Amino acid sequence: MPDYTVHHLQPGKTQDASWPVAEVETQELVRSAMISGKISGALEHGLYQPIAQVRCAEIHEIYPITNHIEHDWTTNPEVIQVSGRQRSTSVGDIAVDLEAGKAWVCQSIGWGEIEDQDQVARLIEASKNFLQSDGAPTASPH
């Protein structure tokens, strides 16, 4: 059963100070990721943070596992590690399968595979850093 690293879009926590992003631009990048699933700008500007490792059989299982439905999702048995208290996963968030070398973006219906290999490589690197840190917040590479 694969482990997925979940990355949340977190505009208030820009991960790289070398990429100063104006508030208006940040809002546009977040809106683009959340509405249309266009993650390039948000990823490029360090607006994603790896927040959890989840073990499940299929990518589509991540959404209900990482949502506050009847209780805090971070207590679900499929959650292997998590960095603090987290919001529910939503459109624009990302899941990475390190073993398969693939990443997906949460869409309004289902998950869409991220085709850009440079983006996938960045997400894999951030996922590995997160797992090595035992869930402590880490800087996402740009």
N, C-alpha and C. Protein backbone atom coordinates (compact mmCIF):
# COMPACT_ATOMS: atom_id res chain seq x y z
N MET A 1 0.85 -1.17 0.00
CA MET A 1 0.00 0.00 0.00
C MET A 1 0.90 1.24 0.00
N PRO A 2 0.65 2.17 -0.91
CA PRO A 2 1.54 3.35 -1.00
C PRO A 2 1.33 4.35 0.12
N ASP A 3 2.38 5.10 0.40
CA ASP A 3 2.32 6.24 1.30
C ASP A 3 2.32 7.49 0.42
N TYR A 4 1.47 8.43 0.76
CA TYR A 4 1.39 9.70 0.04
C TYR A 4 1.78 10.82 0.99
N THR A 5 2.53 11.78 0.48
CA THR A 5 2.80 12.98 1.24
C THR A 5 1.82 14.04 0.76
N VAL A 6 1.09 14.63 1.69
CA VAL A 6 0.09 15.64 1.36
C VAL A 6 0.71 17.01 1.55
N HIS A 7 0.55 17.86 0.53
CA HIS A 7 1.06 19.23 0.56
C HIS A 7 -0.15 20.17 0.51
N HIS A 8 -0.24 21.06 1.49
CA HIS A 8 -1.33 22.02 1.49
C HIS A 8 -0.85 23.37 0.97
N LEU A 9 -1.73 24.00 0.25
CA LEU A 9 -1.52 25.37 -0.20
C LEU A 9 -1.66 26.25 1.04
N GLN A 10 -0.59 26.96 1.41
CA GLN A 10 -0.60 27.77 2.62
C GLN A 10 -0.04 29.15 2.32
N PRO A 11 -0.88 30.02 1.78
CA PRO A 11 -0.40 31.34 1.33
C PRO A 11 0.16 32.21 2.43
N GLY A 12 -0.21 31.99 3.67
CA GLY A 12 0.31 32.80 4.76
C GLY A 12 1.68 32.35 5.23
N LYS A 13 2.20 31.29 4.62
CA LYS A 13 3.47 30.72 5.05
C LYS A 13 4.40 30.53 3.86
N THR A 14 4.70 31.61 3.15
CA THR A 14 5.62 31.51 2.03
C THR A 14 6.90 30.87 2.51
N GLN A 15 7.35 29.84 1.82
CA GLN A 15 8.46 29.02 2.29
C GLN A 15 9.84 29.54 1.94
N ASP A 16 9.94 30.49 1.06
CA ASP A 16 11.26 30.92 0.62
C ASP A 16 11.31 32.44 0.58
N ALA A 17 12.06 33.03 1.50
CA ALA A 17 12.14 34.48 1.60
C ALA A 17 12.77 35.11 0.36
N SER A 18 13.48 34.33 -0.46
CA SER A 18 14.07 34.89 -1.67
C SER A 18 13.02 35.13 -2.75
N TRP A 19 11.80 34.68 -2.50
CA TRP A 19 10.70 34.89 -3.45
C TRP A 19 9.64 35.77 -2.79
N PRO A 20 9.94 37.05 -2.57
CA PRO A 20 8.91 37.89 -1.95
C PRO A 20 7.72 38.03 -2.90
N VAL A 21 6.57 37.71 -2.39
CA VAL A 21 5.36 37.75 -3.21
C VAL A 21 4.40 38.76 -2.61
N ALA A 22 4.00 39.74 -3.40
CA ALA A 22 3.06 40.73 -2.93
C ALA A 22 1.73 40.06 -2.60
N GLU A 23 1.00 40.64 -1.64
CA GLU A 23 -0.26 40.05 -1.21
C GLU A 23 -1.24 39.85 -2.37
N VAL A 24 -1.35 40.83 -3.24
CA VAL A 24 -2.27 40.71 -4.38
C VAL A 24 -1.84 39.57 -5.30
N GLU A 25 -0.55 39.47 -5.57
CA GLU A 25 -0.06 38.39 -6.42
C GLU A 25 -0.29 37.04 -5.75
N THR A 26 -0.06 36.97 -4.44
CA THR A 26 -0.30 35.74 -3.70
C THR A 26 -1.75 35.32 -3.83
N GLN A 27 -2.67 36.27 -3.69
CA GLN A 27 -4.09 35.96 -3.81
C GLN A 27 -4.41 35.40 -5.20
N GLU A 28 -3.80 35.96 -6.23
CA GLU A 28 -4.03 35.47 -7.59
C GLU A 28 -3.48 34.05 -7.77
N LEU A 29 -2.30 33.79 -7.22
CA LEU A 29 -1.70 32.46 -7.32
C LEU A 29 -2.54 31.42 -6.58
N VAL A 30 -3.02 31.79 -5.41
CA VAL A 30 -3.87 30.89 -4.62
C VAL A 30 -5.18 30.65 -5.35
N ARG A 31 -5.80 31.70 -5.85
CA ARG A 31 -7.06 31.58 -6.59
C ARG A 31 -6.89 30.67 -7.80
N SER A 32 -5.80 30.84 -8.53
CA SER A 32 -5.53 30.02 -9.70
C SER A 32 -5.41 28.54 -9.33
N ALA A 33 -4.72 28.26 -8.23
CA ALA A 33 -4.55 26.87 -7.78
C ALA A 33 -5.87 26.29 -7.28
N MET A 34 -6.63 27.08 -6.53
CA MET A 34 -7.84 26.56 -5.91
C MET A 34 -9.02 26.46 -6.87
N ILE A 35 -9.08 27.32 -7.84
CA ILE A 35 -10.22 27.30 -8.75
C ILE A 35 -9.95 26.43 -9.97
N SER A 36 -8.78 26.58 -10.55
CA SER A 36 -8.52 25.87 -11.81
C SER A 36 -7.48 24.77 -11.68
N GLY A 37 -6.88 24.62 -10.51
CA GLY A 37 -5.86 23.59 -10.34
C GLY A 37 -4.53 23.94 -11.00
N LYS A 38 -4.37 25.21 -11.41
CA LYS A 38 -3.10 25.65 -12.00
C LYS A 38 -2.14 26.00 -10.88
N ILE A 39 -1.25 25.06 -10.59
CA ILE A 39 -0.39 25.16 -9.40
C ILE A 39 0.97 25.78 -9.67
N SER A 40 1.33 25.97 -10.92
CA SER A 40 2.70 26.40 -11.27
C SER A 40 3.17 27.60 -10.47
N GLY A 41 2.41 28.68 -10.49
CA GLY A 41 2.82 29.90 -9.82
C GLY A 41 2.93 29.73 -8.31
N ALA A 42 1.95 29.08 -7.71
CA ALA A 42 1.96 28.87 -6.26
C ALA A 42 3.12 27.97 -5.86
N LEU A 43 3.38 26.95 -6.64
CA LEU A 43 4.49 26.05 -6.35
C LEU A 43 5.82 26.78 -6.51
N GLU A 44 5.94 27.54 -7.58
CA GLU A 44 7.16 28.30 -7.87
C GLU A 44 7.49 29.30 -6.76
N HIS A 45 6.45 29.86 -6.13
CA HIS A 45 6.65 30.87 -5.10
C HIS A 45 6.63 30.29 -3.68
N GLY A 46 6.71 28.98 -3.56
CA GLY A 46 6.82 28.36 -2.25
C GLY A 46 5.59 28.43 -1.39
N LEU A 47 4.40 28.40 -2.01
CA LEU A 47 3.16 28.51 -1.25
C LEU A 47 2.60 27.16 -0.81
N TYR A 48 3.35 26.08 -1.07
CA TYR A 48 2.93 24.75 -0.63
C TYR A 48 3.81 24.27 0.50
N GLN A 49 3.20 23.58 1.45
CA GLN A 49 3.91 23.03 2.60
C GLN A 49 3.54 21.56 2.73
N PRO A 50 4.52 20.65 2.77
CA PRO A 50 4.18 19.25 3.05
C PRO A 50 3.71 19.16 4.50
N ILE A 51 2.54 18.54 4.72
CA ILE A 51 1.95 18.58 6.06
C ILE A 51 1.64 17.21 6.65
N ALA A 52 1.62 16.15 5.82
CA ALA A 52 1.26 14.84 6.37
C ALA A 52 1.72 13.72 5.46
N GLN A 53 1.85 12.55 6.07
CA GLN A 53 2.09 11.31 5.33
C GLN A 53 0.88 10.43 5.60
N VAL A 54 0.27 9.94 4.53
CA VAL A 54 -0.96 9.15 4.62
C VAL A 54 -0.76 7.84 3.87
N ARG A 55 -1.19 6.74 4.47
CA ARG A 55 -1.09 5.43 3.83
C ARG A 55 -2.48 4.98 3.41
N CYS A 56 -2.65 4.76 2.11
CA CYS A 56 -3.93 4.27 1.59
C CYS A 56 -3.69 3.60 0.23
N ALA A 57 -4.65 2.81 -0.21
CA ALA A 57 -4.48 2.02 -1.43
C ALA A 57 -4.57 2.85 -2.71
N GLU A 58 -5.42 3.84 -2.73
CA GLU A 58 -5.69 4.60 -3.95
C GLU A 58 -5.67 6.11 -3.67
N ILE A 59 -5.29 6.87 -4.66
CA ILE A 59 -5.21 8.33 -4.54
C ILE A 59 -6.55 8.93 -4.10
N HIS A 60 -7.67 8.40 -4.60
CA HIS A 60 -8.98 8.99 -4.28
C HIS A 60 -9.36 8.82 -2.80
N GLU A 61 -8.65 7.97 -2.06
CA GLU A 61 -8.94 7.78 -0.64
C GLU A 61 -8.38 8.91 0.22
N ILE A 62 -7.44 9.67 -0.31
CA ILE A 62 -6.80 10.73 0.48
C ILE A 62 -7.79 11.80 0.91
N TYR A 63 -8.69 12.20 0.03
CA TYR A 63 -9.61 13.29 0.34
C TYR A 63 -10.45 13.01 1.58
N PRO A 64 -11.16 11.89 1.66
CA PRO A 64 -11.95 11.67 2.89
C PRO A 64 -11.08 11.44 4.14
N ILE A 65 -9.90 10.88 3.96
CA ILE A 65 -9.01 10.66 5.10
C ILE A 65 -8.52 11.98 5.68
N THR A 66 -8.27 12.97 4.80
CA THR A 66 -7.68 14.24 5.25
C THR A 66 -8.70 15.37 5.33
N ASN A 67 -9.92 15.02 5.71
CA ASN A 67 -10.96 16.02 5.93
C ASN A 67 -11.59 15.84 7.31
N HIS A 68 -11.89 16.96 7.95
CA HIS A 68 -12.56 16.95 9.25
C HIS A 68 -14.04 16.65 8.99
N ILE A 69 -14.41 15.38 9.02
CA ILE A 69 -15.80 15.01 8.76
C ILE A 69 -16.53 14.80 10.10
N GLU A 70 -16.14 13.77 10.83
CA GLU A 70 -16.74 13.53 12.14
C GLU A 70 -15.77 13.82 13.28
N HIS A 71 -14.49 14.00 12.95
CA HIS A 71 -13.47 14.27 13.95
C HIS A 71 -12.24 14.85 13.25
N ASP A 72 -11.26 15.23 14.04
CA ASP A 72 -10.01 15.77 13.51
C ASP A 72 -9.33 14.71 12.65
N TRP A 73 -9.14 14.99 11.36
CA TRP A 73 -8.60 13.97 10.45
C TRP A 73 -7.20 13.52 10.82
N THR A 74 -6.45 14.35 11.56
CA THR A 74 -5.07 13.98 11.88
C THR A 74 -5.00 12.77 12.82
N THR A 75 -6.15 12.39 13.40
CA THR A 75 -6.19 11.21 14.28
C THR A 75 -6.59 9.94 13.53
N ASN A 76 -6.85 10.03 12.23
CA ASN A 76 -7.22 8.85 11.44
C ASN A 76 -6.06 7.85 11.42
N PRO A 77 -6.37 6.55 11.46
CA PRO A 77 -5.30 5.54 11.51
C PRO A 77 -4.41 5.51 10.26
N GLU A 78 -4.89 6.02 9.15
CA GLU A 78 -4.10 6.05 7.92
C GLU A 78 -3.05 7.16 7.92
N VAL A 79 -3.15 8.08 8.87
CA VAL A 79 -2.22 9.20 8.96
C VAL A 79 -0.98 8.72 9.73
N ILE A 80 0.13 8.60 9.01
CA ILE A 80 1.38 8.09 9.58
C ILE A 80 2.12 9.17 10.36
N GLN A 81 2.18 10.36 9.80
CA GLN A 81 2.77 11.50 10.50
C GLN A 81 2.13 12.77 9.99
N VAL A 82 2.09 13.77 10.85
CA VAL A 82 1.47 15.04 10.50
C VAL A 82 2.21 16.15 11.23
N SER A 83 2.25 17.30 10.59
CA SER A 83 2.91 18.47 11.16
C SER A 83 1.85 19.37 11.80
N GLY A 84 1.61 19.18 13.08
CA GLY A 84 0.68 20.04 13.81
C GLY A 84 -0.77 19.90 13.40
N ARG A 85 -1.57 20.85 13.84
CA ARG A 85 -3.00 20.86 13.51
C ARG A 85 -3.14 21.38 12.08
N GLN A 86 -3.99 20.73 11.32
CA GLN A 86 -4.13 21.08 9.91
C GLN A 86 -5.59 21.27 9.52
N ARG A 87 -5.80 22.04 8.47
CA ARG A 87 -7.14 22.19 7.90
C ARG A 87 -7.42 20.97 7.02
N SER A 88 -8.63 20.87 6.54
CA SER A 88 -8.99 19.80 5.62
C SER A 88 -8.36 20.03 4.25
N THR A 89 -8.09 18.94 3.56
CA THR A 89 -7.57 19.02 2.19
C THR A 89 -8.68 19.57 1.28
N SER A 90 -8.29 20.41 0.33
CA SER A 90 -9.27 21.00 -0.59
C SER A 90 -8.65 21.16 -1.97
N VAL A 91 -9.45 21.69 -2.87
CA VAL A 91 -9.01 21.90 -4.25
C VAL A 91 -7.72 22.72 -4.27
N GLY A 92 -6.76 22.26 -5.08
CA GLY A 92 -5.47 22.94 -5.20
C GLY A 92 -4.38 22.32 -4.35
N ASP A 93 -4.76 21.48 -3.38
CA ASP A 93 -3.75 20.79 -2.57
C ASP A 93 -3.16 19.63 -3.37
N ILE A 94 -2.05 19.09 -2.91
CA ILE A 94 -1.27 18.13 -3.69
C ILE A 94 -0.98 16.88 -2.87
N ALA A 95 -0.93 15.73 -3.56
CA ALA A 95 -0.49 14.47 -2.95
C ALA A 95 0.64 13.90 -3.80
N VAL A 96 1.68 13.37 -3.13
CA VAL A 96 2.86 12.84 -3.81
C VAL A 96 3.06 11.39 -3.39
N ASP A 97 3.25 10.51 -4.37
CA ASP A 97 3.62 9.11 -4.11
C ASP A 97 5.09 8.98 -4.47
N LEU A 98 5.95 8.93 -3.45
CA LEU A 98 7.40 8.88 -3.69
C LEU A 98 7.80 7.60 -4.42
N GLU A 99 7.18 6.48 -4.05
CA GLU A 99 7.55 5.20 -4.66
C GLU A 99 7.27 5.20 -6.16
N ALA A 100 6.13 5.75 -6.55
CA ALA A 100 5.76 5.79 -7.97
C ALA A 100 6.39 6.99 -8.69
N GLY A 101 6.87 7.98 -7.92
CA GLY A 101 7.44 9.18 -8.54
C GLY A 101 6.38 10.02 -9.23
N LYS A 102 5.17 10.06 -8.64
CA LYS A 102 4.06 10.80 -9.24
C LYS A 102 3.44 11.75 -8.22
N ALA A 103 2.77 12.77 -8.75
CA ALA A 103 2.07 13.74 -7.90
C ALA A 103 0.74 14.09 -8.55
N TRP A 104 -0.23 14.43 -7.71
CA TRP A 104 -1.57 14.78 -8.18
C TRP A 104 -2.03 16.04 -7.47
N VAL A 105 -2.87 16.81 -8.15
CA VAL A 105 -3.48 17.99 -7.55
C VAL A 105 -4.96 17.68 -7.33
N CYS A 106 -5.47 18.07 -6.15
CA CYS A 106 -6.87 17.87 -5.83
C CYS A 106 -7.70 18.83 -6.69
N GLN A 107 -8.68 18.27 -7.38
CA GLN A 107 -9.55 19.06 -8.26
C GLN A 107 -10.96 19.08 -7.69
N SER A 108 -11.84 19.85 -8.30
CA SER A 108 -13.21 19.92 -7.79
C SER A 108 -13.88 18.55 -7.82
N ILE A 109 -13.48 17.71 -8.75
CA ILE A 109 -13.92 16.32 -8.79
C ILE A 109 -12.69 15.46 -9.04
N GLY A 110 -12.25 14.76 -8.01
CA GLY A 110 -11.13 13.84 -8.15
C GLY A 110 -9.76 14.50 -8.07
N TRP A 111 -8.77 13.76 -8.56
CA TRP A 111 -7.37 14.19 -8.54
C TRP A 111 -6.82 14.16 -9.96
N GLY A 112 -6.06 15.18 -10.33
CA GLY A 112 -5.44 15.23 -11.65
C GLY A 112 -3.94 15.06 -11.54
N GLU A 113 -3.39 14.18 -12.34
CA GLU A 113 -1.94 13.94 -12.28
C GLU A 113 -1.17 15.16 -12.76
N ILE A 114 -0.11 15.49 -12.06
CA ILE A 114 0.75 16.60 -12.44
C ILE A 114 1.75 16.06 -13.47
N GLU A 115 1.72 16.60 -14.66
CA GLU A 115 2.53 16.09 -15.76
C GLU A 115 3.92 16.71 -15.82
N ASP A 116 4.05 17.96 -15.35
CA ASP A 116 5.33 18.67 -15.43
C ASP A 116 6.35 17.99 -14.51
N GLN A 117 7.37 17.37 -15.08
CA GLN A 117 8.34 16.59 -14.31
C GLN A 117 9.21 17.46 -13.41
N ASP A 118 9.43 18.71 -13.77
CA ASP A 118 10.18 19.62 -12.89
C ASP A 118 9.38 19.89 -11.62
N GLN A 119 8.07 20.10 -11.77
CA GLN A 119 7.21 20.31 -10.61
C GLN A 119 7.18 19.06 -9.74
N VAL A 120 7.05 17.90 -10.37
CA VAL A 120 7.01 16.64 -9.63
C VAL A 120 8.32 16.46 -8.86
N ALA A 121 9.44 16.76 -9.51
CA ALA A 121 10.74 16.63 -8.85
C ALA A 121 10.83 17.54 -7.62
N ARG A 122 10.34 18.78 -7.72
CA ARG A 122 10.34 19.70 -6.58
C ARG A 122 9.49 19.16 -5.43
N LEU A 123 8.34 18.62 -5.79
CA LEU A 123 7.44 18.08 -4.78
C LEU A 123 8.03 16.84 -4.11
N ILE A 124 8.70 16.01 -4.89
CA ILE A 124 9.35 14.82 -4.34
C ILE A 124 10.45 15.24 -3.36
N GLU A 125 11.24 16.24 -3.73
CA GLU A 125 12.30 16.72 -2.85
C GLU A 125 11.72 17.26 -1.53
N ALA A 126 10.66 18.06 -1.64
CA ALA A 126 10.02 18.60 -0.43
C ALA A 126 9.43 17.48 0.42
N SER A 127 8.87 16.46 -0.22
CA SER A 127 8.30 15.32 0.50
C SER A 127 9.38 14.56 1.26
N LYS A 128 10.50 14.32 0.60
CA LYS A 128 11.61 13.62 1.26
C LYS A 128 12.13 14.41 2.45
N ASN A 129 12.26 15.72 2.30
CA ASN A 129 12.71 16.57 3.41
C ASN A 129 11.74 16.49 4.58
N PHE A 130 10.45 16.51 4.27
CA PHE A 130 9.42 16.42 5.31
C PHE A 130 9.52 15.10 6.05
N LEU A 131 9.65 14.01 5.31
CA LEU A 131 9.71 12.68 5.94
C LEU A 131 10.97 12.53 6.79
N GLN A 132 12.08 13.10 6.34
CA GLN A 132 13.33 13.03 7.10
C GLN A 132 13.26 13.87 8.37
N SER A 133 12.38 14.87 8.37
CA SER A 133 12.27 15.77 9.52
C SER A 133 11.26 15.26 10.55
N ASP A 134 10.67 14.10 10.29
CA ASP A 134 9.63 13.53 11.16
C ASP A 134 8.44 14.47 11.33
N GLY A 135 8.11 15.17 10.26
CA GLY A 135 6.91 16.00 10.27
C GLY A 135 7.12 17.43 10.71
N ALA A 136 8.34 17.80 11.07
CA ALA A 136 8.60 19.19 11.43
C ALA A 136 8.51 20.04 10.17
N PRO A 137 8.01 21.26 10.26
CA PRO A 137 7.92 22.11 9.06
C PRO A 137 9.27 22.26 8.38
N THR A 138 9.25 22.17 7.05
CA THR A 138 10.47 22.32 6.26
C THR A 138 10.21 23.29 5.13
N ALA A 139 11.25 23.87 4.62
CA ALA A 139 11.12 24.79 3.48
C ALA A 139 10.92 24.00 2.20
N SER A 140 9.95 24.42 1.41
CA SER A 140 9.74 23.80 0.11
C SER A 140 10.72 24.38 -0.89
N PRO A 141 11.35 23.55 -1.70
CA PRO A 141 12.26 24.09 -2.71
C PRO A 141 11.48 24.79 -3.80
N HIS A 142 12.07 25.76 -4.44
CA HIS A 142 11.39 26.42 -5.58
C HIS A 142 12.09 26.09 -6.85
